Protein backbone atom coordinates (compact mmCIF):
# COMPACT_ATOMS: atom_id res chain seq x y z
CA UNK A 1 40.75 19.03 -39.69
CA UNK A 2 39.76 17.68 -36.03
CA UNK A 3 39.71 14.36 -35.99
CA UNK A 4 36.33 12.30 -36.12
CA UNK A 5 34.53 10.84 -34.18
CA UNK A 6 32.11 7.23 -34.71
CA UNK A 7 29.82 6.99 -32.01
CA UNK A 8 27.85 4.39 -31.87
CA UNK A 9 23.62 4.91 -30.40
CA UNK A 10 21.83 2.62 -27.55
CA UNK A 11 17.87 2.99 -28.20
CA UNK A 12 17.06 1.79 -24.85
CA UNK A 13 13.21 0.97 -24.07
CA UNK A 14 12.21 -0.51 -21.50
CA UNK A 15 14.20 -3.80 -20.51
CA UNK A 16 17.23 -3.58 -23.61
CA UNK A 17 18.16 -2.11 -26.89
CA UNK A 18 15.78 -1.74 -29.31
CA UNK A 19 16.03 -0.39 -32.85
CA UNK A 20 13.92 -0.10 -36.12
CA UNK A 21 12.88 2.33 -39.45
CA UNK A 22 11.70 5.65 -39.52
CA UNK A 23 11.94 6.14 -35.00
CA UNK A 24 9.42 2.84 -35.01
CA UNK A 25 11.34 1.63 -32.99
CA UNK A 26 9.73 -2.30 -32.09
CA UNK A 27 13.25 -4.26 -33.01
CA UNK A 28 15.18 -5.99 -29.40
CA UNK A 29 18.45 -5.60 -30.26
CA UNK A 30 19.67 -7.16 -26.73
CA UNK A 31 20.55 -6.00 -23.68
CA UNK A 32 21.95 -2.90 -23.05
CA UNK A 33 25.14 -3.95 -20.61
CA UNK A 34 26.64 -6.55 -23.08
CA UNK A 35 26.52 -3.93 -26.03
CA UNK A 36 28.29 -1.60 -23.35
CA UNK A 37 31.50 -3.94 -22.51
CA UNK A 38 31.29 -5.38 -26.86
CA UNK A 39 31.62 -1.70 -27.48
CA UNK A 40 34.41 -1.02 -25.06
CA UNK A 41 36.33 -3.06 -27.17
CA UNK A 42 36.05 -1.47 -30.90
CA UNK A 43 37.25 1.38 -31.01
CA UNK A 44 33.96 3.20 -30.56
CA UNK A 45 35.07 7.18 -29.56
CA UNK A 46 32.12 7.67 -27.74
CA UNK A 47 28.64 6.20 -26.56
CA UNK A 48 25.28 7.42 -27.22
CA UNK A 49 22.01 6.33 -24.83
CA UNK A 50 19.15 7.66 -24.99
CA UNK A 51 15.61 5.79 -23.42
CA UNK A 52 13.01 7.05 -25.92
CA UNK A 53 10.35 6.91 -23.89
CA UNK A 54 11.23 8.39 -21.42
CA UNK A 55 10.06 11.87 -22.88
CA UNK A 56 6.12 10.73 -22.34
CA UNK A 57 6.14 10.06 -18.54
CA UNK A 58 6.63 11.90 -15.30
CA UNK A 59 8.92 9.20 -13.28
CA UNK A 60 12.07 10.24 -11.99
CA UNK A 61 15.03 9.08 -14.78
CA UNK A 62 15.62 5.20 -13.80
CA UNK A 63 19.16 6.52 -12.74
CA UNK A 64 19.94 2.98 -10.91
CA UNK A 65 20.24 1.74 -14.35
CA UNK A 66 22.31 4.47 -16.00
CA UNK A 67 24.21 3.64 -12.99
CA UNK A 68 25.45 0.23 -13.71
CA UNK A 69 25.93 1.25 -17.21
CA UNK A 70 27.71 4.19 -16.88
CA UNK A 71 29.83 1.68 -14.44
CA UNK A 72 30.58 -0.21 -17.21
CA UNK A 73 31.92 2.19 -19.75
CA UNK A 74 35.28 3.13 -20.38
CA UNK A 75 34.69 5.64 -23.29
CA UNK A 76 32.77 9.08 -23.54
CA UNK A 77 29.55 8.68 -22.87
CA UNK A 78 25.85 10.16 -23.60
CA UNK A 79 23.10 10.11 -21.62
CA UNK A 80 19.42 10.96 -23.70
CA UNK A 81 15.86 10.91 -22.69
CA UNK A 82 13.42 12.25 -20.28
CA UNK A 83 15.81 14.95 -18.88
CA UNK A 84 14.22 18.24 -18.12
CA UNK A 85 15.63 19.48 -15.07
CA UNK A 86 18.96 20.87 -13.60
CA UNK A 87 18.61 18.32 -11.06
CA UNK A 88 18.45 15.57 -13.41
CA UNK A 89 22.04 16.64 -15.48
CA UNK A 90 23.76 17.18 -12.05
CA UNK A 91 23.04 13.49 -11.20
CA UNK A 92 23.68 11.79 -14.43
CA UNK A 93 27.27 13.56 -14.19
CA UNK A 94 27.45 12.28 -10.79
CA UNK A 95 27.02 8.71 -12.02
CA UNK A 96 28.61 8.36 -15.03
CA UNK A 97 27.56 10.18 -17.70
CA UNK A 98 29.77 12.89 -19.40
CA UNK A 99 27.90 14.36 -21.60
CA UNK A 100 24.39 14.81 -21.88
CA UNK A 101 21.63 15.34 -24.82
CA UNK A 102 18.70 17.45 -24.87
CA UNK A 103 16.10 17.44 -27.43
CA UNK A 104 11.89 17.90 -26.53
CA UNK A 105 12.45 19.81 -23.73
CA UNK A 106 14.27 22.30 -25.66
CA UNK A 107 11.45 22.99 -26.80
CA UNK A 108 9.40 23.47 -24.49
CA UNK A 109 12.30 25.74 -21.49
CA UNK A 110 14.58 26.75 -24.24
CA UNK A 111 16.65 28.18 -21.39
CA UNK A 112 17.38 24.94 -20.26
CA UNK A 113 20.12 24.60 -22.56
CA UNK A 114 21.77 27.89 -20.81
CA UNK A 115 21.73 26.93 -17.72
CA UNK A 116 23.98 23.44 -17.93
CA UNK A 117 25.83 25.01 -20.90
CA UNK A 118 25.75 27.82 -17.45
CA UNK A 119 26.58 25.38 -14.89
CA UNK A 120 28.42 22.04 -16.69
CA UNK A 121 30.20 23.33 -18.92
CA UNK A 122 29.30 23.25 -23.07
CA UNK A 123 31.51 20.40 -23.48
CA UNK A 124 28.72 18.87 -21.72
CA UNK A 125 25.36 19.67 -24.01
CA UNK A 126 24.48 17.88 -26.78
CA UNK A 127 21.58 19.11 -28.24
CA UNK A 128 19.76 16.64 -30.19
CA UNK A 129 17.76 18.28 -33.49
CA UNK A 130 14.65 14.73 -35.12
CA UNK A 131 14.03 15.71 -38.73
CA UNK A 132 11.24 15.80 -41.08
CA UNK A 133 12.17 17.33 -44.97
CA UNK A 134 8.83 19.78 -45.09
CA UNK A 135 10.11 20.91 -48.57
CA UNK A 136 13.18 22.03 -51.52
CA UNK A 137 15.86 22.27 -48.50
CA UNK A 138 13.45 22.79 -45.96
CA UNK A 139 13.12 20.33 -42.24
CA UNK A 140 10.95 20.79 -39.71
CA UNK A 141 11.47 19.50 -36.19
CA UNK A 142 10.33 16.94 -34.57
CA UNK A 143 10.40 16.34 -29.97
CA UNK A 144 8.66 13.13 -28.63
CA UNK A 145 11.13 10.43 -29.81
CA UNK A 146 9.99 12.18 -33.65
CA UNK A 147 6.12 11.55 -33.31
CA UNK A 148 5.08 15.63 -32.03
CA UNK A 149 5.75 18.22 -34.47
CA UNK A 150 6.81 21.33 -33.39
CA UNK A 151 6.44 24.05 -35.74
CA UNK A 152 10.69 25.05 -36.26
CA UNK A 153 12.54 25.40 -38.91
CA UNK A 154 15.69 22.95 -37.88
CA UNK A 155 18.25 25.92 -39.40
CA UNK A 156 17.24 28.37 -37.27
CA UNK A 157 16.47 25.88 -34.69
CA UNK A 158 20.47 24.75 -34.30
CA UNK A 159 20.76 28.31 -35.11
CA UNK A 160 19.40 29.42 -31.40
CA UNK A 161 20.63 26.12 -30.04
CA UNK A 162 24.24 27.16 -30.45
CA UNK A 163 24.00 30.20 -29.28
CA UNK A 164 21.44 29.22 -25.91
CA UNK A 165 25.03 26.97 -25.64
CA UNK A 166 25.01 23.68 -26.64
CA UNK A 167 28.25 22.26 -27.24
CA UNK A 168 27.77 19.81 -30.25
CA UNK A 169 24.57 18.89 -32.81
CA UNK A 170 23.23 15.97 -32.82
CA UNK A 171 20.47 16.09 -35.96
CA UNK A 172 19.57 13.27 -37.36
CA UNK A 173 17.03 12.53 -39.90
CA UNK A 174 13.56 10.64 -39.19
CA UNK A 175 13.11 9.65 -42.73
CA UNK A 176 16.70 8.44 -43.14
CA UNK A 177 16.67 6.62 -39.43
CA UNK A 178 17.12 2.54 -40.13
CA UNK A 179 17.08 2.67 -43.94
CA UNK A 180 20.65 2.48 -44.06
CA UNK A 181 20.66 3.81 -47.13
CA UNK A 182 22.46 6.81 -45.98
CA UNK A 183 22.82 9.68 -43.81
CA UNK A 184 20.52 12.97 -45.55
CA UNK A 185 23.65 14.78 -46.68
CA UNK A 186 21.70 17.86 -47.33
CA UNK A 187 20.26 18.14 -43.80
CA UNK A 188 24.13 18.11 -43.18
CA UNK A 189 25.41 20.48 -44.40
CA UNK A 190 22.21 22.85 -43.89
CA UNK A 191 23.22 22.57 -39.99
CA UNK A 192 27.31 22.71 -40.19
CA UNK A 193 26.81 26.09 -42.50
CA UNK A 194 24.06 27.73 -39.33
CA UNK A 195 26.58 26.61 -36.62
CA UNK A 196 30.31 26.87 -35.22
CA UNK A 197 30.30 24.25 -33.14
CA UNK A 198 30.96 20.26 -33.79
CA UNK A 199 27.53 18.51 -36.07
CA UNK A 200 27.47 14.88 -35.26
CA UNK A 201 25.44 13.17 -38.28
CA UNK A 202 22.35 9.97 -37.73
CA UNK A 203 20.09 8.90 -39.37
CA UNK A 204 20.81 6.34 -42.26
CA UNK A 205 24.05 5.32 -42.35
CA UNK A 206 24.70 1.91 -44.18
CA UNK A 207 27.67 1.48 -45.04
CA UNK A 208 32.06 2.52 -44.79
CA UNK A 209 31.31 5.20 -47.55
CA UNK A 210 28.40 6.83 -46.21
CA UNK A 211 30.40 7.56 -43.18
CA UNK A 212 32.90 9.22 -45.17
CA UNK A 213 30.06 10.89 -47.31
CA UNK A 214 28.95 12.51 -44.02
CA UNK A 215 32.36 13.93 -43.42
CA UNK A 216 33.70 15.07 -46.69
CA UNK A 217 30.38 16.39 -48.68
CA UNK A 218 28.62 17.11 -45.69
CA UNK A 219 30.94 18.46 -43.20
CA UNK A 220 30.35 16.80 -39.64
CA UNK A 221 32.69 15.91 -37.00
CA UNK A 222 31.58 12.81 -36.32
CA UNK A 223 28.94 9.60 -37.46
CA UNK A 224 26.58 8.57 -35.01
CA UNK A 225 25.04 4.42 -36.01
CA UNK A 226 22.95 1.66 -34.86
CA UNK A 227 22.01 -0.39 -37.73
CA UNK A 228 24.95 -0.49 -39.33
CA UNK A 229 26.52 -1.93 -36.20
CA UNK A 230 23.01 -4.52 -35.22
CA UNK A 231 22.74 -6.30 -37.76
CA UNK A 232 25.08 -6.42 -39.97
CA UNK A 233 29.28 -7.54 -40.12
CA UNK A 234 30.63 -3.62 -40.41
CA UNK A 235 32.63 -1.95 -36.92
CA UNK A 236 33.43 0.66 -35.24
CA UNK A 237 37.00 -0.34 -36.05
CA UNK A 238 36.21 -0.79 -40.12
CA UNK A 239 34.35 2.39 -40.15
CA UNK A 240 37.90 3.70 -39.17
CA UNK A 241 39.97 2.45 -41.71
CA UNK A 242 37.62 3.54 -44.46
CA UNK A 243 37.76 6.97 -43.28
CA UNK A 244 41.40 7.05 -42.94
CA UNK A 245 41.98 6.17 -46.17
CA UNK A 246 39.77 8.87 -47.79
CA UNK A 247 42.60 11.24 -45.86
CA UNK A 248 39.85 11.82 -42.94
CA UNK A 249 41.51 11.75 -39.10
CA UNK A 250 40.57 9.34 -36.42
CA UNK A 251 41.43 8.61 -33.26
CA UNK A 252 42.77 4.35 -33.65
CA UNK A 253 45.21 2.85 -32.06
CA UNK A 254 45.46 0.19 -35.09
């Protein structure tokens, strides 16, 4: 087993970070830069920053802010939200992003995944999929920050994303998001079984045990979380200690 990564997720909305439940991200949790500086010191493996409003506007990306964030981030940095052109990807990579997360734009223009992968490598492309359960062992993909049903089956879609050159899948359960009741293990397992690329579990982590289960029971290669780090005393380092005790290899300095 490769070393499992612990990845805090930062949801960026206008002037700061937010978090809610079920993609209702209304509660402000502070500015972006101080959070990045704190995580630099907390044994995180990567950071994911997503502009949750960018999919709904036609303005250019706020590259000036992302530039500031990237300058202060000393771990691999994934940036997402509103990315719909290869030229935007090039600009983000130039100012310090290490990976690009694509969600909404991929449904309208699937070949965008091919283009980014071809130009910059599969390791650059994180395909983000937001899912809702619609029946027994069935999940539908949602775009536009979880607000628009796409009609696409999650398993079929992740297979296509992998075939098009995505290097990783970030799978998020909309129903579990922010609840801290645990990841949707069935969803994660189905995605892991469907693709041969790393799968990042997201949506629902409330304890270290939830993270352990996402890896050992569902096969995730990484665990992403937000609320557990914003609202509890649990830390990325604590998560790594718990996983190491459970026999999961992690990247660590302890």
